[in-house]
Amino acid sequence: MTPRAVLFDCDGVLADSEMVVNALVADQLTALGWPMTAVQSRETFLGLALPDMVPRIEARVGPLPPGWAQEISALLALEMTERTPAMPGAIEAVRRVAAAGIPVAVASNSARAELAAKMRALGLATVFGERVFSFEDVDRPKPYPDIYLAAAAACGAAPQDCVVVEDSVPGVRAGIAAGCRVLGFAHETPRGVLAVHGAEPFGSMAELDGLLGI
């Protein structure tokens, strides 16, 4: 069945920005005394919102400087304004879904300013309109279902009638917990890992039309 709405994650789904973001995070943490590469940052924090990252960081380096979370959020927003690489085929896939008359939303564990910068850089701000949700817009970030419940409501659809497009385990868990069908984009996370958490894995944005029945 064609879904009533399609709810997209951002990083690793729409934006091929994981390594850009994680390189910046790694530089920050290395300066704080936790030596880390971009790859190690991705492995440690994939899919996590900043509030969930902070306790893990403080467990290694001690209390963070006042305002550190706000500072890194601003740095990420600036970086994404200057360069947000698109995931191959993702922009076109979103536009095809919207052209088919299916409401679309984006739901990300990014901060609000960072997510808005990504939407502008990708040219998707007008496609999603007001249906753009960051972890700051809900009580609990992924892996809790709050953000996908909010995105479904914004599209005027029941969660069980929505499809979520995700690439991380916390995101898949959030979509499943919300009651949505979840498609797992196996760009970085292995298919088997996504499948064991309840997603239907796929490997290319070119496959999305067929999976959505459009």
C-alpha atoms as a PDB file:
ATOM      1  CA  MET A   1       0.000   0.000   0.000  1.00  0.00           C
ATOM      2  CA  THR A   2       1.105   3.555  -0.672  1.00  0.00           C
ATOM      3  CA  PRO A   3       1.770   5.250   2.686  1.00  0.00           C
ATOM      4  CA  ARG A   4      -0.193   8.223   3.965  1.00  0.00           C
ATOM      5  CA  ALA A   5       3.110  10.004   4.705  1.00  0.00           C
ATOM      6  CA  VAL A   6       6.845   9.414   4.426  1.00  0.00           C
ATOM      7  CA  LEU A   7       9.041  10.543   7.313  1.00  0.00           C
ATOM      8  CA  PHE A   8      12.736  10.962   6.544  1.00  0.00           C
ATOM      9  CA  ASP A   9      15.729  11.022   8.830  1.00  0.00           C
ATOM     10  CA  CYS A  10      18.338  13.551   7.696  1.00  0.00           C
ATOM     11  CA  ASP A  11      21.985  12.609   8.319  1.00  0.00           C
ATOM     12  CA  GLY A  12      22.903   9.466   6.448  1.00  0.00           C
ATOM     13  CA  VAL A  13      19.582   9.517   4.557  1.00  0.00           C
ATOM     14  CA  LEU A  14      19.140  12.927   2.938  1.00  0.00           C
ATOM     15  CA  ALA A  15      22.521  14.433   3.784  1.00  0.00           C
ATOM     16  CA  ASP A  16      25.769  12.550   3.298  1.00  0.00           C
ATOM     17  CA  SER A  17      27.095  14.554   6.208  1.00  0.00           C
ATOM     18  CA  GLU A  18      28.047  11.952   8.795  1.00  0.00           C
ATOM     19  CA  MET A  19      31.805  12.252   8.256  1.00  0.00           C
ATOM     20  CA  VAL A  20      31.729  16.058   8.005  1.00  0.00           C
ATOM     21  CA  VAL A  21      29.871  16.289  11.314  1.00  0.00           C
ATOM     22  CA  ASN A  22      31.925  13.603  13.006  1.00  0.00           C
ATOM     23  CA  ALA A  23      35.225  15.156  11.927  1.00  0.00           C
ATOM     24  CA  LEU A  24      34.199  18.354  13.720  1.00  0.00           C
ATOM     25  CA  VAL A  25      33.038  16.437  16.804  1.00  0.00           C
ATOM     26  CA  ALA A  26      36.280  14.427  16.821  1.00  0.00           C
ATOM     27  CA  ASP A  27      38.381  17.605  16.699  1.00  0.00           C
ATOM     28  CA  GLN A  28      36.435  19.062  19.613  1.00  0.00           C
ATOM     29  CA  LEU A  29      36.747  15.935  21.738  1.00  0.00           C
ATOM     30  CA  THR A  30      40.432  15.495  20.955  1.00  0.00           C
ATOM     31  CA  ALA A  31      41.011  19.050  22.190  1.00  0.00           C
ATOM     32  CA  LEU A  32      39.120  18.158  25.384  1.00  0.00           C
ATOM     33  CA  GLY A  33      41.401  15.177  26.044  1.00  0.00           C
ATOM     34  CA  TRP A  34      39.523  12.320  24.374  1.00  0.00           C
ATOM     35  CA  PRO A  35      41.618  11.517  21.282  1.00  0.00           C
ATOM     36  CA  MET A  36      39.242  10.498  18.513  1.00  0.00           C
ATOM     37  CA  THR A  37      39.048  10.186  14.739  1.00  0.00           C
ATOM     38  CA  ALA A  38      35.998  10.986  12.627  1.00  0.00           C
ATOM     39  CA  VAL A  39      35.386   7.263  12.135  1.00  0.00           C
ATOM     40  CA  GLN A  40      35.554   6.636  15.885  1.00  0.00           C
ATOM     41  CA  SER A  41      33.179   9.547  16.484  1.00  0.00           C
ATOM     42  CA  ARG A  42      30.676   8.063  14.059  1.00  0.00           C
ATOM     43  CA  GLU A  43      30.914   4.635  15.700  1.00  0.00           C
ATOM     44  CA  THR A  44      30.454   6.144  19.158  1.00  0.00           C
ATOM     45  CA  PHE A  45      27.652   8.616  18.506  1.00  0.00           C
ATOM     46  CA  LEU A  46      25.758   7.454  15.391  1.00  0.00           C
ATOM     47  CA  GLY A  47      22.105   8.420  15.646  1.00  0.00           C
ATOM     48  CA  LEU A  48      22.411  10.097  19.053  1.00  0.00           C
ATOM     49  CA  ALA A  49      21.156  13.577  19.877  1.00  0.00           C
ATOM     50  CA  LEU A  50      23.502  16.028  21.579  1.00  0.00           C
ATOM     51  CA  PRO A  51      21.846  15.637  25.027  1.00  0.00           C
ATOM     52  CA  ASP A  52      22.603  11.901  24.881  1.00  0.00           C
ATOM     53  CA  MET A  53      26.181  12.532  23.747  1.00  0.00           C
ATOM     54  CA  VAL A  54      27.046  14.849  26.638  1.00  0.00           C
ATOM     55  CA  PRO A  55      26.929  12.232  29.474  1.00  0.00           C
ATOM     56  CA  ARG A  56      29.133   9.873  27.440  1.00  0.00           C
ATOM     57  CA  ILE A  57      31.631  12.645  26.823  1.00  0.00           C
ATOM     58  CA  GLU A  58      31.674  13.797  30.436  1.00  0.00           C
ATOM     59  CA  ALA A  59      32.241  10.227  31.584  1.00  0.00           C
ATOM     60  CA  ARG A  60      35.560  10.377  29.698  1.00  0.00           C
ATOM     61  CA  VAL A  61      36.723  13.975  30.099  1.00  0.00           C
ATOM     62  CA  GLY A  62      34.877  15.262  33.158  1.00  0.00           C
ATOM     63  CA  PRO A  63      32.498  18.227  33.254  1.00  0.00           C
ATOM     64  CA  LEU A  64      32.340  20.092  29.954  1.00  0.00           C
ATOM     65  CA  PRO A  65      32.998  23.829  29.794  1.00  0.00           C
ATOM     66  CA  PRO A  66      29.890  25.993  30.284  1.00  0.00           C
ATOM     67  CA  GLY A  67      28.064  26.463  27.013  1.00  0.00           C
ATOM     68  CA  TRP A  68      29.999  23.715  25.205  1.00  0.00           C
ATOM     69  CA  ALA A  69      26.881  22.050  23.809  1.00  0.00           C
ATOM     70  CA  GLN A  70      25.556  25.345  22.462  1.00  0.00           C
ATOM     71  CA  GLU A  71      28.958  26.183  20.966  1.00  0.00           C
ATOM     72  CA  ILE A  72      29.349  22.927  19.090  1.00  0.00           C
ATOM     73  CA  SER A  73      25.739  23.146  17.903  1.00  0.00           C
ATOM     74  CA  ALA A  74      26.469  26.597  16.452  1.00  0.00           C
ATOM     75  CA  LEU A  75      29.679  25.328  14.826  1.00  0.00           C
ATOM     76  CA  LEU A  76      27.784  22.451  13.218  1.00  0.00           C
ATOM     77  CA  ALA A  77      25.082  24.789  11.921  1.00  0.00           C
ATOM     78  CA  LEU A  78      27.745  27.036  10.367  1.00  0.00           C
ATOM     79  CA  GLU A  79      29.517  24.046   8.818  1.00  0.00           C
ATOM     80  CA  MET A  80      26.265  22.721   7.354  1.00  0.00           C
ATOM     81  CA  THR A  81      25.425  26.140   5.921  1.00  0.00           C
ATOM     82  CA  GLU A  82      28.719  26.119   4.037  1.00  0.00           C
ATOM     83  CA  ARG A  83      28.644  22.500   2.904  1.00  0.00           C
ATOM     84  CA  THR A  84      25.995  19.828   3.249  1.00  0.00           C
ATOM     85  CA  PRO A  85      26.701  17.006   0.802  1.00  0.00           C
ATOM     86  CA  ALA A  86      23.524  15.358  -0.498  1.00  0.00           C
ATOM     87  CA  MET A  87      23.125  11.601  -0.328  1.00  0.00           C
ATOM     88  CA  PRO A  88      23.154  10.357  -3.947  1.00  0.00           C
ATOM     89  CA  GLY A  89      19.600  10.208  -5.276  1.00  0.00           C
ATOM     90  CA  ALA A  90      18.002  11.397  -2.030  1.00  0.00           C
ATOM     91  CA  ILE A  91      16.850  14.857  -3.113  1.00  0.00           C
ATOM     92  CA  GLU A  92      15.251  13.451  -6.242  1.00  0.00           C
ATOM     93  CA  ALA A  93      13.591  10.675  -4.218  1.00  0.00           C
ATOM     94  CA  VAL A  94      12.020  13.165  -1.801  1.00  0.00           C
ATOM     95  CA  ARG A  95      10.750  15.297  -4.668  1.00  0.00           C
ATOM     96  CA  ARG A  96       9.199  12.256  -6.369  1.00  0.00           C
ATOM     97  CA  VAL A  97       7.369  11.294  -3.172  1.00  0.00           C
ATOM     98  CA  ALA A  98       6.064  14.839  -2.764  1.00  0.00           C
ATOM     99  CA  ALA A  99       5.087  14.996  -6.452  1.00  0.00           C
ATOM    100  CA  ALA A 100       3.028  11.829  -5.935  1.00  0.00           C
ATOM    101  CA  GLY A 101       0.909  13.797  -3.456  1.00  0.00           C
ATOM    102  CA  ILE A 102       2.269  12.055  -0.362  1.00  0.00           C
ATOM    103  CA  PRO A 103       3.031  14.364   2.600  1.00  0.00           C
ATOM    104  CA  VAL A 104       6.679  14.300   3.674  1.00  0.00           C
ATOM    105  CA  ALA A 105       8.404  15.313   6.899  1.00  0.00           C
ATOM    106  CA  VAL A 106      11.934  15.205   8.225  1.00  0.00           C
ATOM    107  CA  ALA A 107      12.720  14.032  11.758  1.00  0.00           C
ATOM    108  CA  SER A 108      16.300  14.304  12.965  1.00  0.00           C
ATOM    109  CA  ASN A 109      18.303  14.073  16.162  1.00  0.00           C
ATOM    110  CA  SER A 110      20.174  17.177  14.967  1.00  0.00           C
ATOM    111  CA  ALA A 111      19.704  20.480  16.761  1.00  0.00           C
ATOM    112  CA  ARG A 112      17.138  22.876  15.293  1.00  0.00           C
ATOM    113  CA  ALA A 113      19.565  25.431  13.804  1.00  0.00           C
ATOM    114  CA  GLU A 114      21.785  22.720  12.343  1.00  0.00           C
ATOM    115  CA  LEU A 115      18.827  20.924  10.770  1.00  0.00           C
ATOM    116  CA  ALA A 116      17.459  24.148   9.276  1.00  0.00           C
ATOM    117  CA  ALA A 117      20.869  24.855   7.736  1.00  0.00           C
ATOM    118  CA  LYS A 118      20.915  21.402   6.169  1.00  0.00           C
ATOM    119  CA  MET A 119      17.437  21.821   4.715  1.00  0.00           C
ATOM    120  CA  ARG A 120      18.396  25.137   3.121  1.00  0.00           C
ATOM    121  CA  ALA A 121      21.676  23.793   1.764  1.00  0.00           C
ATOM    122  CA  LEU A 122      19.954  20.743   0.271  1.00  0.00           C
ATOM    123  CA  GLY A 123      17.196  22.852  -1.280  1.00  0.00           C
ATOM    124  CA  LEU A 124      14.504  20.981   0.647  1.00  0.00           C
ATOM    125  CA  ALA A 125      13.266  23.689   3.006  1.00  0.00           C
ATOM    126  CA  THR A 126      10.249  24.491   0.839  1.00  0.00           C
ATOM    127  CA  VAL A 127       9.487  20.815   0.185  1.00  0.00           C
ATOM    128  CA  PHE A 128       9.189  19.989   3.886  1.00  0.00           C
ATOM    129  CA  GLY A 129       7.824  23.382   4.933  1.00  0.00           C
ATOM    130  CA  GLU A 130       6.884  23.381   8.617  1.00  0.00           C
ATOM    131  CA  ARG A 131       7.192  19.598   8.842  1.00  0.00           C
ATOM    132  CA  VAL A 132      10.819  19.696  10.032  1.00  0.00           C
ATOM    133  CA  PHE A 133      11.497  18.253  13.489  1.00  0.00           C
ATOM    134  CA  SER A 134      14.688  18.284  15.542  1.00  0.00           C
ATOM    135  CA  PHE A 135      15.298  16.726  18.948  1.00  0.00           C
ATOM    136  CA  GLU A 136      14.591  20.170  20.401  1.00  0.00           C
ATOM    137  CA  ASP A 137      10.972  19.961  19.223  1.00  0.00           C
ATOM    138  CA  VAL A 138      10.037  16.905  21.297  1.00  0.00           C
ATOM    139  CA  ASP A 139      10.397  15.745  24.886  1.00  0.00           C
ATOM    140  CA  ARG A 140      12.669  12.793  24.095  1.00  0.00           C
ATOM    141  CA  PRO A 141      15.040  12.191  21.157  1.00  0.00           C
ATOM    142  CA  LYS A 142      15.407   8.960  19.215  1.00  0.00           C
ATOM    143  CA  PRO A 143      15.363   6.038  20.075  1.00  0.00           C
ATOM    144  CA  TYR A 144      12.121   7.189  21.729  1.00  0.00           C
ATOM    145  CA  PRO A 145       9.175   7.475  19.311  1.00  0.00           C
ATOM    146  CA  ASP A 146       8.288  11.097  20.101  1.00  0.00           C
ATOM    147  CA  ILE A 147       9.797  12.698  17.006  1.00  0.00           C
ATOM    148  CA  TYR A 148       8.115  10.300  14.581  1.00  0.00           C
ATOM    149  CA  LEU A 149       4.786  10.627  16.349  1.00  0.00           C
ATOM    150  CA  ALA A 150       5.080  14.411  15.975  1.00  0.00           C
ATOM    151  CA  ALA A 151       6.087  14.126  12.303  1.00  0.00           C
ATOM    152  CA  ALA A 152       3.169  11.803  11.522  1.00  0.00           C
ATOM    153  CA  ALA A 153       0.736  14.159  13.243  1.00  0.00           C
ATOM    154  CA  ALA A 154       2.093  17.102  11.248  1.00  0.00           C
ATOM    155  CA  CYS A 155       1.342  15.153   8.078  1.00  0.00           C
ATOM    156  CA  GLY A 156      -2.202  14.392   9.264  1.00  0.00           C
ATOM    157  CA  ALA A 157      -1.502  10.659   9.247  1.00  0.00           C
ATOM    158  CA  ALA A 158      -1.711   7.848  11.784  1.00  0.00           C
ATOM    159  CA  PRO A 159       1.761   6.440  12.550  1.00  0.00           C
ATOM    160  CA  GLN A 160       0.798   2.962  11.352  1.00  0.00           C
ATOM    161  CA  ASP A 161       0.027   4.469   7.938  1.00  0.00           C
ATOM    162  CA  CYS A 162       3.448   6.124   7.664  1.00  0.00           C
ATOM    163  CA  VAL A 163       6.796   4.925   6.345  1.00  0.00           C
ATOM    164  CA  VAL A 164      10.005   6.000   8.083  1.00  0.00           C
ATOM    165  CA  VAL A 165      13.292   6.104   6.163  1.00  0.00           C
ATOM    166  CA  GLU A 166      16.220   5.637   8.561  1.00  0.00           C
ATOM    167  CA  ASP A 167      19.872   4.599   8.577  1.00  0.00           C
ATOM    168  CA  SER A 168      20.763   4.166  12.264  1.00  0.00           C
ATOM    169  CA  VAL A 169      19.751   1.780  15.015  1.00  0.00           C
ATOM    170  CA  PRO A 170      18.370   4.546  17.312  1.00  0.00           C
ATOM    171  CA  GLY A 171      16.339   5.867  14.386  1.00  0.00           C
ATOM    172  CA  VAL A 172      14.977   2.448  13.429  1.00  0.00           C
ATOM    173  CA  ARG A 173      14.034   1.811  17.044  1.00  0.00           C
ATOM    174  CA  ALA A 174      12.238   5.164  17.183  1.00  0.00           C
ATOM    175  CA  GLY A 175      10.248   4.434  14.026  1.00  0.00           C
ATOM    176  CA  ILE A 176       9.273   0.941  15.164  1.00  0.00           C
ATOM    177  CA  ALA A 177       8.303   2.245  18.611  1.00  0.00           C
ATOM    178  CA  ALA A 178       6.071   4.833  16.932  1.00  0.00           C
ATOM    179  CA  GLY A 179       4.268   2.051  15.062  1.00  0.00           C
ATOM    180  CA  CYS A 180       5.544   2.964  11.593  1.00  0.00           C
ATOM    181  CA  ARG A 181       6.853   0.765   8.817  1.00  0.00           C
ATOM    182  CA  VAL A 182      10.608   1.417   8.707  1.00  0.00           C
ATOM    183  CA  LEU A 183      12.849   1.222   5.662  1.00  0.00           C
ATOM    184  CA  GLY A 184      16.510   0.911   6.643  1.00  0.00           C
ATOM    185  CA  PHE A 185      18.949   2.618   4.278  1.00  0.00           C
ATOM    186  CA  ALA A 186      22.063   0.442   4.467  1.00  0.00           C
ATOM    187  CA  HIS A 187      24.576   3.067   3.393  1.00  0.00           C
ATOM    188  CA  GLU A 188      26.808   2.788   6.461  1.00  0.00           C
ATOM    189  CA  THR A 189      24.960   0.493   8.873  1.00  0.00           C
ATOM    190  CA  PRO A 190      24.929  -3.151   7.689  1.00  0.00           C
ATOM    191  CA  ARG A 191      21.652  -4.575   6.391  1.00  0.00           C
ATOM    192  CA  GLY A 192      21.614  -7.292   9.041  1.00  0.00           C
ATOM    193  CA  VAL A 193      21.937  -4.791  11.876  1.00  0.00           C
ATOM    194  CA  LEU A 194      19.037  -2.710  10.542  1.00  0.00           C
ATOM    195  CA  ALA A 195      16.915  -5.819   9.937  1.00  0.00           C
ATOM    196  CA  VAL A 196      17.410  -7.246  13.421  1.00  0.00           C
ATOM    197  CA  HIS A 197      15.906  -4.046  14.843  1.00  0.00           C
ATOM    198  CA  GLY A 198      12.838  -4.294  12.622  1.00  0.00           C
ATOM    199  CA  ALA A 199      13.702  -2.335   9.464  1.00  0.00           C
ATOM    200  CA  GLU A 200      13.361  -3.476   5.855  1.00  0.00           C
ATOM    201  CA  PRO A 201      16.867  -2.866   4.488  1.00  0.00           C
ATOM    202  CA  PHE A 202      17.528  -1.292   1.094  1.00  0.00           C
ATOM    203  CA  GLY A 203      20.703  -0.108  -0.533  1.00  0.00           C
ATOM    204  CA  SER A 204      19.905   2.678  -2.997  1.00  0.00           C
ATOM    205  CA  MET A 205      17.587   5.660  -3.092  1.00  0.00           C
ATOM    206  CA  ALA A 206      16.577   4.475  -6.564  1.00  0.00           C
ATOM    207  CA  GLU A 207      14.742   1.613  -4.836  1.00  0.00           C
ATOM    208  CA  LEU A 208      12.547   3.905  -2.770  1.00  0.00           C
ATOM    209  CA  ASP A 209       9.754   4.390  -5.339  1.00  0.00           C
ATOM    210  CA  GLY A 210       9.140   0.671  -5.605  1.00  0.00           C
ATOM    211  CA  LEU A 211       9.262   0.165  -1.835  1.00  0.00           C
ATOM    212  CA  LEU A 212       6.676   2.926  -1.395  1.00  0.00           C
ATOM    213  CA  GLY A 213       4.426   1.772  -4.227  1.00  0.00           C
ATOM    214  CA  ILE A 214       4.650   4.974  -6.223  1.00  0.00           C
END
